[in-house]
Amino acid sequence: MVPMFDVSPAMVALMGLVGVLTACVLLLATRRTSPSEGPAAAAEGAQGADADGQGGAAGAEAEGPDYRRLAESRRRQLVEAELRTLRAQISPHFIYNSLNAIAAFIPTDPVRARELVLDFADFTRYSLRAEGDFSTLEEELDAVERYVLLEQARFEDRVQVELQVAPEVLGVQIPFLAVQPLVENAVLHGLDSEDGQVTVRLKAADDGTHALISVEDDGVGADPEHMACVLAGRAEGSHIGLRNVDLRLRQAYGGGQGLVIDTAVGAGMMVSMRIPKFQPQQAPDAEVGAP
């Protein structure tokens, strides 16, 4: 029997690399989503920290318990747990579909397959990094570019992304993984439109002491009341990434500095944030859980 195509050593190497990447990423994701981690575990840890703090304070003759510090410690632990959860929320479906798309290019376009492997490696390395609560907008946009390239490998011209970014805001420090989940949300829900296509517009503008960042899509939109429930933590299911980003923005900049969502059923969605141009200090009086 004559083979349909020759399998070159380079193609074999690419196939092997895709398999190794699949195993490594899934193993790492499994470890990061173990039941011992996440908001619930952080809450238990925070309660333990409260008990330890109260015990230490009771042992001090001249000092009472610092409830404000204990409350802030609890808030920080919960938000850090949300960040760990977000890092681990790279969808197994996204991983599987991306690697499937890469594998499909190996026999027909091995050069592009190699480029996509590098994009996948860069994206997962950034998303799963273990250190740092903040990154620059430029670093975040680089992760967005890798994500979009992987999605376009699957959906081709059905996914279009337009960027309008002021160069002077590229160095602004923003919460880690604050923009990419918004783009992912826009792509996934935008593709639900009748024609199965979506155009995402990502803008970052200079506004004096702040950077204004927005992600807009022309997809199916959503009920504004439902989205308010999502941000308030009263809705399960879709758009959970938005809730996660909103929580961390409020923790970093104060209770009134979360996401702003402008949407309606059948009218697309725009999600925006206003980021100060300085490394934020913790806001001890921020009501993290309230939109």
C-alpha atoms as a PDB file:
ATOM      1  CA  MET A   1       0.000   0.000   0.000  1.00  0.00           C
ATOM      2  CA  VAL A   2       1.374   3.416  -0.951  1.00  0.00           C
ATOM      3  CA  PRO A   3       1.193   5.985   1.874  1.00  0.00           C
ATOM      4  CA  MET A   4      -0.864   9.105   1.174  1.00  0.00           C
ATOM      5  CA  PHE A   5       2.000  11.373   2.257  1.00  0.00           C
ATOM      6  CA  ASP A   6       5.518  11.062   3.517  1.00  0.00           C
ATOM      7  CA  VAL A   7       6.061  11.543   7.234  1.00  0.00           C
ATOM      8  CA  SER A   8       9.246  13.546   7.547  1.00  0.00           C
ATOM      9  CA  PRO A   9      11.340  13.534  10.729  1.00  0.00           C
ATOM     10  CA  ALA A  10      10.272  17.150  11.362  1.00  0.00           C
ATOM     11  CA  MET A  11       6.609  16.146  11.253  1.00  0.00           C
ATOM     12  CA  VAL A  12       7.242  13.260  13.629  1.00  0.00           C
ATOM     13  CA  ALA A  13       9.039  15.623  15.997  1.00  0.00           C
ATOM     14  CA  LEU A  14       6.148  18.088  15.879  1.00  0.00           C
ATOM     15  CA  MET A  15       3.632  15.344  16.606  1.00  0.00           C
ATOM     16  CA  GLY A  16       5.705  14.185  19.550  1.00  0.00           C
ATOM     17  CA  LEU A  17       6.023  17.737  20.849  1.00  0.00           C
ATOM     18  CA  VAL A  18       2.263  18.254  20.654  1.00  0.00           C
ATOM     19  CA  GLY A  19       1.738  15.072  22.658  1.00  0.00           C
ATOM     20  CA  VAL A  20       4.252  16.085  25.303  1.00  0.00           C
ATOM     21  CA  LEU A  21       2.698  19.567  25.584  1.00  0.00           C
ATOM     22  CA  THR A  22      -0.744  18.029  26.017  1.00  0.00           C
ATOM     23  CA  ALA A  23       0.400  15.755  28.835  1.00  0.00           C
ATOM     24  CA  CYS A  24       2.372  18.469  30.645  1.00  0.00           C
ATOM     25  CA  VAL A  25      -0.334  21.132  30.491  1.00  0.00           C
ATOM     26  CA  LEU A  26      -3.116  18.784  31.556  1.00  0.00           C
ATOM     27  CA  LEU A  27      -1.004  17.510  34.457  1.00  0.00           C
ATOM     28  CA  LEU A  28      -0.248  21.057  35.580  1.00  0.00           C
ATOM     29  CA  ALA A  29      -3.874  22.103  35.264  1.00  0.00           C
ATOM     30  CA  THR A  30      -4.971  19.078  37.276  1.00  0.00           C
ATOM     31  CA  ARG A  31      -2.577  19.950  40.076  1.00  0.00           C
ATOM     32  CA  ARG A  32      -3.708  23.563  40.095  1.00  0.00           C
ATOM     33  CA  THR A  33      -7.384  22.623  40.321  1.00  0.00           C
ATOM     34  CA  SER A  34      -7.034  20.151  43.163  1.00  0.00           C
ATOM     35  CA  PRO A  35      -9.819  20.320  45.765  1.00  0.00           C
ATOM     36  CA  SER A  36      -7.384  21.612  48.382  1.00  0.00           C
ATOM     37  CA  GLU A  37      -7.020  24.888  46.501  1.00  0.00           C
ATOM     38  CA  GLY A  38      -9.473  27.569  45.557  1.00  0.00           C
ATOM     39  CA  PRO A  39     -11.698  30.087  47.336  1.00  0.00           C
ATOM     40  CA  ALA A  40     -13.158  27.593  49.792  1.00  0.00           C
ATOM     41  CA  ALA A  41      -9.736  26.434  50.933  1.00  0.00           C
ATOM     42  CA  ALA A  42      -8.586  30.030  51.143  1.00  0.00           C
ATOM     43  CA  ALA A  43     -11.568  30.867  53.317  1.00  0.00           C
ATOM     44  CA  GLU A  44     -10.614  28.043  55.669  1.00  0.00           C
ATOM     45  CA  GLY A  45      -7.044  29.322  55.677  1.00  0.00           C
ATOM     46  CA  ALA A  46      -8.268  32.808  56.402  1.00  0.00           C
ATOM     47  CA  GLN A  47     -10.339  31.519  59.311  1.00  0.00           C
ATOM     48  CA  GLY A  48      -7.261  29.733  60.636  1.00  0.00           C
ATOM     49  CA  ALA A  49      -5.298  32.950  60.272  1.00  0.00           C
ATOM     50  CA  ASP A  50      -8.012  34.740  62.232  1.00  0.00           C
ATOM     51  CA  ALA A  51      -7.807  32.168  65.001  1.00  0.00           C
ATOM     52  CA  ASP A  52      -4.035  32.390  65.135  1.00  0.00           C
ATOM     53  CA  GLY A  53      -4.158  36.160  65.114  1.00  0.00           C
ATOM     54  CA  GLN A  54      -6.753  36.291  67.857  1.00  0.00           C
ATOM     55  CA  GLY A  55      -4.801  33.787  69.944  1.00  0.00           C
ATOM     56  CA  GLY A  56      -1.634  35.819  69.595  1.00  0.00           C
ATOM     57  CA  ALA A  57      -3.457  39.013  70.421  1.00  0.00           C
ATOM     58  CA  ALA A  58      -5.082  37.446  73.484  1.00  0.00           C
ATOM     59  CA  GLY A  59      -1.636  36.520  74.704  1.00  0.00           C
ATOM     60  CA  ALA A  60      -0.470  40.120  74.534  1.00  0.00           C
ATOM     61  CA  GLU A  61      -1.134  41.992  77.763  1.00  0.00           C
ATOM     62  CA  ALA A  62      -1.352  45.501  76.338  1.00  0.00           C
ATOM     63  CA  GLU A  63      -2.806  44.941  72.836  1.00  0.00           C
ATOM     64  CA  GLY A  64      -6.224  43.838  71.609  1.00  0.00           C
ATOM     65  CA  PRO A  65      -6.881  41.964  68.360  1.00  0.00           C
ATOM     66  CA  ASP A  66      -6.375  44.001  65.191  1.00  0.00           C
ATOM     67  CA  TYR A  67      -9.662  43.175  63.520  1.00  0.00           C
ATOM     68  CA  ARG A  68      -9.005  45.473  60.599  1.00  0.00           C
ATOM     69  CA  ARG A  69      -5.763  43.689  59.793  1.00  0.00           C
ATOM     70  CA  LEU A  70      -7.420  40.299  60.185  1.00  0.00           C
ATOM     71  CA  ALA A  71     -10.257  41.313  57.877  1.00  0.00           C
ATOM     72  CA  GLU A  72      -7.778  42.571  55.290  1.00  0.00           C
ATOM     73  CA  SER A  73      -5.809  39.327  55.557  1.00  0.00           C
ATOM     74  CA  ARG A  74      -8.973  37.350  54.889  1.00  0.00           C
ATOM     75  CA  ARG A  75      -9.865  39.493  51.887  1.00  0.00           C
ATOM     76  CA  ARG A  76      -6.382  39.118  50.428  1.00  0.00           C
ATOM     77  CA  GLN A  77      -6.421  35.336  50.839  1.00  0.00           C
ATOM     78  CA  LEU A  78      -9.786  35.066  49.134  1.00  0.00           C
ATOM     79  CA  VAL A  79      -8.720  37.231  46.200  1.00  0.00           C
ATOM     80  CA  GLU A  80      -5.435  35.335  45.863  1.00  0.00           C
ATOM     81  CA  ALA A  81      -7.487  32.137  45.737  1.00  0.00           C
ATOM     82  CA  GLU A  82      -9.580  33.669  42.950  1.00  0.00           C
ATOM     83  CA  LEU A  83      -6.375  34.388  41.032  1.00  0.00           C
ATOM     84  CA  ARG A  84      -5.167  30.795  41.480  1.00  0.00           C
ATOM     85  CA  THR A  85      -8.550  29.609  40.251  1.00  0.00           C
ATOM     86  CA  LEU A  86      -8.354  31.866  37.197  1.00  0.00           C
ATOM     87  CA  ARG A  87      -4.859  30.638  36.385  1.00  0.00           C
ATOM     88  CA  ALA A  88      -6.193  27.091  36.495  1.00  0.00           C
ATOM     89  CA  GLN A  89      -9.273  27.904  34.405  1.00  0.00           C
ATOM     90  CA  ILE A  90      -7.585  27.442  31.057  1.00  0.00           C
ATOM     91  CA  SER A  91     -10.382  25.355  29.661  1.00  0.00           C
ATOM     92  CA  PRO A  92      -9.479  21.729  28.926  1.00  0.00           C
ATOM     93  CA  HIS A  93     -11.591  22.197  25.804  1.00  0.00           C
ATOM     94  CA  PHE A  94      -9.410  25.133  24.741  1.00  0.00           C
ATOM     95  CA  ILE A  95      -6.259  23.064  25.318  1.00  0.00           C
ATOM     96  CA  TYR A  96      -7.630  20.060  23.448  1.00  0.00           C
ATOM     97  CA  ASN A  97      -8.985  22.129  20.541  1.00  0.00           C
ATOM     98  CA  SER A  98      -5.800  24.187  20.216  1.00  0.00           C
ATOM     99  CA  LEU A  99      -3.601  21.090  20.102  1.00  0.00           C
ATOM    100  CA  ASN A 100      -6.009  19.469  17.664  1.00  0.00           C
ATOM    101  CA  ALA A 101      -5.743  22.515  15.405  1.00  0.00           C
ATOM    102  CA  ILE A 102      -1.947  22.378  15.634  1.00  0.00           C
ATOM    103  CA  ALA A 103      -1.928  18.667  14.788  1.00  0.00           C
ATOM    104  CA  ALA A 104      -4.124  19.316  11.742  1.00  0.00           C
ATOM    105  CA  PHE A 105      -1.497  21.664  10.295  1.00  0.00           C
ATOM    106  CA  ILE A 106       1.436  19.243  10.751  1.00  0.00           C
ATOM    107  CA  PRO A 107       0.982  17.279   7.472  1.00  0.00           C
ATOM    108  CA  THR A 108      -0.130  20.297   5.384  1.00  0.00           C
ATOM    109  CA  ASP A 109       1.743  23.284   6.818  1.00  0.00           C
ATOM    110  CA  PRO A 110       4.443  22.187   9.286  1.00  0.00           C
ATOM    111  CA  VAL A 111       5.918  25.699   9.458  1.00  0.00           C
ATOM    112  CA  ARG A 112       2.658  27.134  10.734  1.00  0.00           C
ATOM    113  CA  ALA A 113       2.246  24.150  13.062  1.00  0.00           C
ATOM    114  CA  ARG A 114       5.623  24.953  14.611  1.00  0.00           C
ATOM    115  CA  GLU A 115       4.654  28.617  15.028  1.00  0.00           C
ATOM    116  CA  LEU A 116       1.401  27.617  16.712  1.00  0.00           C
ATOM    117  CA  VAL A 117       3.249  25.282  19.069  1.00  0.00           C
ATOM    118  CA  LEU A 118       5.409  28.239  20.139  1.00  0.00           C
ATOM    119  CA  ASP A 119       2.303  30.439  20.537  1.00  0.00           C
ATOM    120  CA  PHE A 120       0.666  27.757  22.664  1.00  0.00           C
ATOM    121  CA  ALA A 121       3.773  27.382  24.814  1.00  0.00           C
ATOM    122  CA  ASP A 122       4.073  31.159  25.331  1.00  0.00           C
ATOM    123  CA  PHE A 123       0.390  31.509  26.200  1.00  0.00           C
ATOM    124  CA  THR A 124       0.327  28.672  28.712  1.00  0.00           C
ATOM    125  CA  ARG A 125       3.633  29.747  30.291  1.00  0.00           C
ATOM    126  CA  TYR A 126       2.243  33.252  30.870  1.00  0.00           C
ATOM    127  CA  SER A 127      -1.186  32.101  32.049  1.00  0.00           C
ATOM    128  CA  LEU A 128       0.149  29.477  34.455  1.00  0.00           C
ATOM    129  CA  ARG A 129       3.064  31.432  35.870  1.00  0.00           C
ATOM    130  CA  ALA A 130       3.224  31.130  39.640  1.00  0.00           C
ATOM    131  CA  GLU A 131       4.590  34.548  40.588  1.00  0.00           C
ATOM    132  CA  GLY A 132       3.323  38.107  40.425  1.00  0.00           C
ATOM    133  CA  ASP A 133      -0.110  39.634  40.917  1.00  0.00           C
ATOM    134  CA  PHE A 134       0.560  42.341  38.314  1.00  0.00           C
ATOM    135  CA  SER A 135       1.954  42.598  34.801  1.00  0.00           C
ATOM    136  CA  THR A 136       2.230  45.385  32.261  1.00  0.00           C
ATOM    137  CA  LEU A 137      -0.479  46.020  29.714  1.00  0.00           C
ATOM    138  CA  GLU A 138       2.051  45.189  27.012  1.00  0.00           C
ATOM    139  CA  GLU A 139       2.665  41.726  28.514  1.00  0.00           C
ATOM    140  CA  GLU A 140      -1.069  41.130  28.791  1.00  0.00           C
ATOM    141  CA  LEU A 141      -1.635  42.157  25.173  1.00  0.00           C
ATOM    142  CA  ASP A 142       1.067  39.727  24.085  1.00  0.00           C
ATOM    143  CA  ALA A 143      -0.859  36.920  25.807  1.00  0.00           C
ATOM    144  CA  VAL A 144      -4.034  38.141  24.093  1.00  0.00           C
ATOM    145  CA  GLU A 145      -2.269  37.958  20.717  1.00  0.00           C
ATOM    146  CA  ARG A 146      -1.191  34.351  21.354  1.00  0.00           C
ATOM    147  CA  TYR A 147      -4.710  33.409  22.420  1.00  0.00           C
ATOM    148  CA  VAL A 148      -6.246  35.006  19.312  1.00  0.00           C
ATOM    149  CA  LEU A 149      -3.786  33.244  16.983  1.00  0.00           C
ATOM    150  CA  LEU A 150      -4.730  29.891  18.495  1.00  0.00           C
ATOM    151  CA  GLU A 151      -8.449  30.613  18.153  1.00  0.00           C
ATOM    152  CA  GLN A 152      -7.982  31.782  14.557  1.00  0.00           C
ATOM    153  CA  ALA A 153      -6.221  28.493  13.809  1.00  0.00           C
ATOM    154  CA  ARG A 154      -9.540  26.855  14.690  1.00  0.00           C
ATOM    155  CA  PHE A 155     -12.107  29.365  13.424  1.00  0.00           C
ATOM    156  CA  GLU A 156     -10.055  31.120  10.716  1.00  0.00           C
ATOM    157  CA  ASP A 157     -11.669  34.417   9.643  1.00  0.00           C
ATOM    158  CA  ARG A 158     -14.729  33.840  11.830  1.00  0.00           C
ATOM    159  CA  VAL A 159     -12.757  35.527  14.635  1.00  0.00           C
ATOM    160  CA  GLN A 160     -11.531  39.063  13.983  1.00  0.00           C
ATOM    161  CA  VAL A 161      -9.797  41.230  16.584  1.00  0.00           C
ATOM    162  CA  GLU A 162      -9.126  44.951  16.182  1.00  0.00           C
ATOM    163  CA  LEU A 163      -6.636  46.742  18.438  1.00  0.00           C
ATOM    164  CA  GLN A 164      -6.520  50.442  19.190  1.00  0.00           C
ATOM    165  CA  VAL A 165      -3.877  50.964  21.880  1.00  0.00           C
ATOM    166  CA  ALA A 166      -2.183  54.211  22.888  1.00  0.00           C
ATOM    167  CA  PRO A 167       1.593  53.556  23.160  1.00  0.00           C
ATOM    168  CA  GLU A 168       1.875  55.620  26.347  1.00  0.00           C
ATOM    169  CA  VAL A 169      -0.245  53.142  28.334  1.00  0.00           C
ATOM    170  CA  LEU A 170       1.664  49.970  27.360  1.00  0.00           C
ATOM    171  CA  GLY A 171       3.821  50.185  30.491  1.00  0.00           C
ATOM    172  CA  VAL A 172       0.895  50.595  32.905  1.00  0.00           C
ATOM    173  CA  GLN A 173       0.798  47.931  35.615  1.00  0.00           C
ATOM    174  CA  ILE A 174      -2.488  46.011  35.623  1.00  0.00           C
ATOM    175  CA  PRO A 175      -3.713  42.982  37.580  1.00  0.00           C
ATOM    176  CA  PHE A 176      -2.374  39.785  36.034  1.00  0.00           C
ATOM    177  CA  LEU A 177      -4.857  38.182  33.603  1.00  0.00           C
ATOM    178  CA  ALA A 178      -7.173  41.207  33.650  1.00  0.00           C
ATOM    179  CA  VAL A 179      -7.592  41.618  29.867  1.00  0.00           C
ATOM    180  CA  GLN A 180      -7.219  38.163  28.289  1.00  0.00           C
ATOM    181  CA  PRO A 181     -10.294  36.711  30.087  1.00  0.00           C
ATOM    182  CA  LEU A 182     -12.365  39.622  28.720  1.00  0.00           C
ATOM    183  CA  VAL A 183     -11.224  38.848  25.172  1.00  0.00           C
ATOM    184  CA  GLU A 184     -11.914  35.138  25.692  1.00  0.00           C
ATOM    185  CA  ASN A 185     -15.396  35.953  26.976  1.00  0.00           C
ATOM    186  CA  ALA A 186     -16.035  38.140  23.916  1.00  0.00           C
ATOM    187  CA  VAL A 187     -14.845  35.453  21.488  1.00  0.00           C
ATOM    188  CA  LEU A 188     -16.755  32.572  23.058  1.00  0.00           C
ATOM    189  CA  HIS A 189     -20.052  34.403  23.408  1.00  0.00           C
ATOM    190  CA  GLY A 190     -19.638  36.366  20.187  1.00  0.00           C
ATOM    191  CA  LEU A 191     -19.413  33.132  18.201  1.00  0.00           C
ATOM    192  CA  ASP A 192     -22.927  32.293  19.435  1.00  0.00           C
ATOM    193  CA  SER A 193     -24.329  34.864  16.991  1.00  0.00           C
ATOM    194  CA  GLU A 194     -26.503  33.733  14.069  1.00  0.00           C
ATOM    195  CA  ASP A 195     -23.733  34.004  11.480  1.00  0.00           C
ATOM    196  CA  GLY A 196     -21.187  32.324  13.785  1.00  0.00           C
ATOM    197  CA  GLN A 197     -18.723  35.192  13.440  1.00  0.00           C
ATOM    198  CA  VAL A 198     -17.435  37.780  15.882  1.00  0.00           C
ATOM    199  CA  THR A 199     -15.427  40.984  15.743  1.00  0.00           C
ATOM    200  CA  VAL A 200     -13.730  41.982  18.985  1.00  0.00           C
ATOM    201  CA  ARG A 201     -12.469  45.536  19.483  1.00  0.00           C
ATOM    202  CA  LEU A 202      -9.864  46.032  22.181  1.00  0.00           C
ATOM    203  CA  LYS A 203      -9.081  49.634  23.065  1.00  0.00           C
ATOM    204  CA  ALA A 204      -6.638  51.133  25.570  1.00  0.00           C
ATOM    205  CA  ALA A 205      -6.598  54.908  25.817  1.00  0.00           C
ATOM    206  CA  ASP A 206      -4.673  57.447  27.870  1.00  0.00           C
ATOM    207  CA  ASP A 207      -6.887  59.443  30.229  1.00  0.00           C
ATOM    208  CA  GLY A 208      -4.531  61.581  32.269  1.00  0.00           C
ATOM    209  CA  THR A 209      -3.873  59.712  35.490  1.00  0.00           C
ATOM    210  CA  HIS A 210      -5.633  56.573  34.247  1.00  0.00           C
ATOM    211  CA  ALA A 211      -5.683  54.116  31.363  1.00  0.00           C
ATOM    212  CA  LEU A 212      -9.108  53.269  29.948  1.00  0.00           C
ATOM    213  CA  ILE A 213      -9.309  49.679  28.689  1.00  0.00           C
ATOM    214  CA  SER A 214     -12.354  48.209  26.968  1.00  0.00           C
ATOM    215  CA  VAL A 215     -13.238  44.997  25.127  1.00  0.00           C
ATOM    216  CA  GLU A 216     -16.280  45.110  22.864  1.00  0.00           C
ATOM    217  CA  ASP A 217     -17.889  42.434  20.703  1.00  0.00           C
ATOM    218  CA  ASP A 218     -20.751  42.342  18.217  1.00  0.00           C
ATOM    219  CA  GLY A 219     -22.159  39.071  19.496  1.00  0.00           C
ATOM    220  CA  VAL A 220     -25.464  38.076  21.058  1.00  0.00           C
ATOM    221  CA  GLY A 221     -25.137  40.276  24.156  1.00  0.00           C
ATOM    222  CA  ALA A 222     -26.794  39.446  27.469  1.00  0.00           C
ATOM    223  CA  ASP A 223     -29.445  40.581  29.905  1.00  0.00           C
ATOM    224  CA  PRO A 224     -27.998  43.505  31.938  1.00  0.00           C
ATOM    225  CA  GLU A 225     -29.646  42.242  35.125  1.00  0.00           C
ATOM    226  CA  HIS A 226     -28.079  38.825  34.644  1.00  0.00           C
ATOM    227  CA  MET A 227     -24.651  40.392  34.193  1.00  0.00           C
ATOM    228  CA  ALA A 228     -25.163  42.416  37.389  1.00  0.00           C
ATOM    229  CA  CYS A 229     -25.886  39.122  39.165  1.00  0.00           C
ATOM    230  CA  VAL A 230     -22.713  37.620  37.657  1.00  0.00           C
ATOM    231  CA  LEU A 231     -20.553  40.409  39.069  1.00  0.00           C
ATOM    232  CA  ALA A 232     -22.314  40.180  42.415  1.00  0.00           C
ATOM    233  CA  GLY A 233     -21.624  36.434  42.630  1.00  0.00           C
ATOM    234  CA  ARG A 234     -25.306  35.490  42.428  1.00  0.00           C
ATOM    235  CA  ALA A 235     -25.139  33.666  39.082  1.00  0.00           C
ATOM    236  CA  GLU A 236     -23.375  30.445  38.163  1.00  0.00           C
ATOM    237  CA  GLY A 237     -22.187  29.199  34.803  1.00  0.00           C
ATOM    238  CA  SER A 238     -20.972  31.472  32.020  1.00  0.00           C
ATOM    239  CA  HIS A 239     -19.029  34.740  32.341  1.00  0.00           C
ATOM    240  CA  ILE A 240     -17.279  33.536  35.521  1.00  0.00           C
ATOM    241  CA  GLY A 241     -14.007  34.998  34.246  1.00  0.00           C
ATOM    242  CA  LEU A 242     -15.589  38.468  34.348  1.00  0.00           C
ATOM    243  CA  ARG A 243     -16.544  38.009  38.002  1.00  0.00           C
ATOM    244  CA  ASN A 244     -13.013  36.923  38.818  1.00  0.00           C
ATOM    245  CA  VAL A 245     -11.431  39.961  37.133  1.00  0.00           C
ATOM    246  CA  ASP A 246     -13.962  42.279  38.786  1.00  0.00           C
ATOM    247  CA  LEU A 247     -13.093  40.968  42.254  1.00  0.00           C
ATOM    248  CA  ARG A 248      -9.379  41.509  41.772  1.00  0.00           C
ATOM    249  CA  LEU A 249      -9.855  45.025  40.377  1.00  0.00           C
ATOM    250  CA  ARG A 250     -11.858  45.993  43.451  1.00  0.00           C
ATOM    251  CA  GLN A 251      -9.250  44.498  45.743  1.00  0.00           C
ATOM    252  CA  ALA A 252      -6.456  46.390  44.004  1.00  0.00           C
ATOM    253  CA  TYR A 253      -8.072  49.788  43.494  1.00  0.00           C
ATOM    254  CA  GLY A 254     -11.073  50.014  45.823  1.00  0.00           C
ATOM    255  CA  GLY A 255     -14.692  48.883  45.947  1.00  0.00           C
ATOM    256  CA  GLY A 256     -15.887  51.288  43.254  1.00  0.00           C
ATOM    257  CA  GLN A 257     -13.270  50.381  40.641  1.00  0.00           C
ATOM    258  CA  GLY A 258     -14.582  47.148  39.190  1.00  0.00           C
ATOM    259  CA  LEU A 259     -15.684  46.246  35.690  1.00  0.00           C
ATOM    260  CA  VAL A 260     -18.346  48.253  33.877  1.00  0.00           C
ATOM    261  CA  ILE A 261     -20.533  46.170  31.552  1.00  0.00           C
ATOM    262  CA  ASP A 262     -22.696  47.725  28.842  1.00  0.00           C
ATOM    263  CA  THR A 263     -24.871  45.142  27.110  1.00  0.00           C
ATOM    264  CA  ALA A 264     -28.335  44.152  25.969  1.00  0.00           C
ATOM    265  CA  VAL A 265     -29.778  41.017  24.425  1.00  0.00           C
ATOM    266  CA  GLY A 266     -28.890  40.987  20.727  1.00  0.00           C
ATOM    267  CA  ALA A 267     -26.731  44.121  20.998  1.00  0.00           C
ATOM    268  CA  GLY A 268     -23.256  42.808  21.800  1.00  0.00           C
ATOM    269  CA  MET A 269     -21.297  43.606  24.938  1.00  0.00           C
ATOM    270  CA  MET A 270     -18.659  46.085  26.037  1.00  0.00           C
ATOM    271  CA  VAL A 271     -16.645  45.468  29.210  1.00  0.00           C
ATOM    272  CA  SER A 272     -14.402  48.272  30.439  1.00  0.00           C
ATOM    273  CA  MET A 273     -12.079  49.122  33.298  1.00  0.00           C
ATOM    274  CA  ARG A 274     -10.258  52.233  34.485  1.00  0.00           C
ATOM    275  CA  ILE A 275      -6.706  51.558  35.674  1.00  0.00           C
ATOM    276  CA  PRO A 276      -4.613  54.164  37.553  1.00  0.00           C
ATOM    277  CA  LYS A 277      -1.097  54.736  36.254  1.00  0.00           C
ATOM    278  CA  PHE A 278       0.667  53.693  39.438  1.00  0.00           C
ATOM    279  CA  GLN A 279       1.472  50.530  41.314  1.00  0.00           C
ATOM    280  CA  PRO A 280      -1.585  50.194  43.564  1.00  0.00           C
ATOM    281  CA  GLN A 281      -1.505  49.784  47.303  1.00  0.00           C
ATOM    282  CA  GLN A 282      -4.039  47.553  48.964  1.00  0.00           C
ATOM    283  CA  ALA A 283      -7.325  49.259  49.714  1.00  0.00           C
ATOM    284  CA  PRO A 284      -8.184  48.045  53.243  1.00  0.00           C
ATOM    285  CA  ASP A 285     -11.648  49.528  53.237  1.00  0.00           C
ATOM    286  CA  ALA A 286     -12.650  48.101  49.835  1.00  0.00           C
ATOM    287  CA  GLU A 287     -15.809  46.058  49.771  1.00  0.00           C
ATOM    288  CA  VAL A 288     -14.454  43.342  47.521  1.00  0.00           C
ATOM    289  CA  GLY A 289     -17.617  41.335  47.161  1.00  0.00           C
ATOM    290  CA  ALA A 290     -19.899  44.238  46.275  1.00  0.00           C
ATOM    291  CA  PRO A 291     -20.160  45.586  42.727  1.00  0.00           C
END
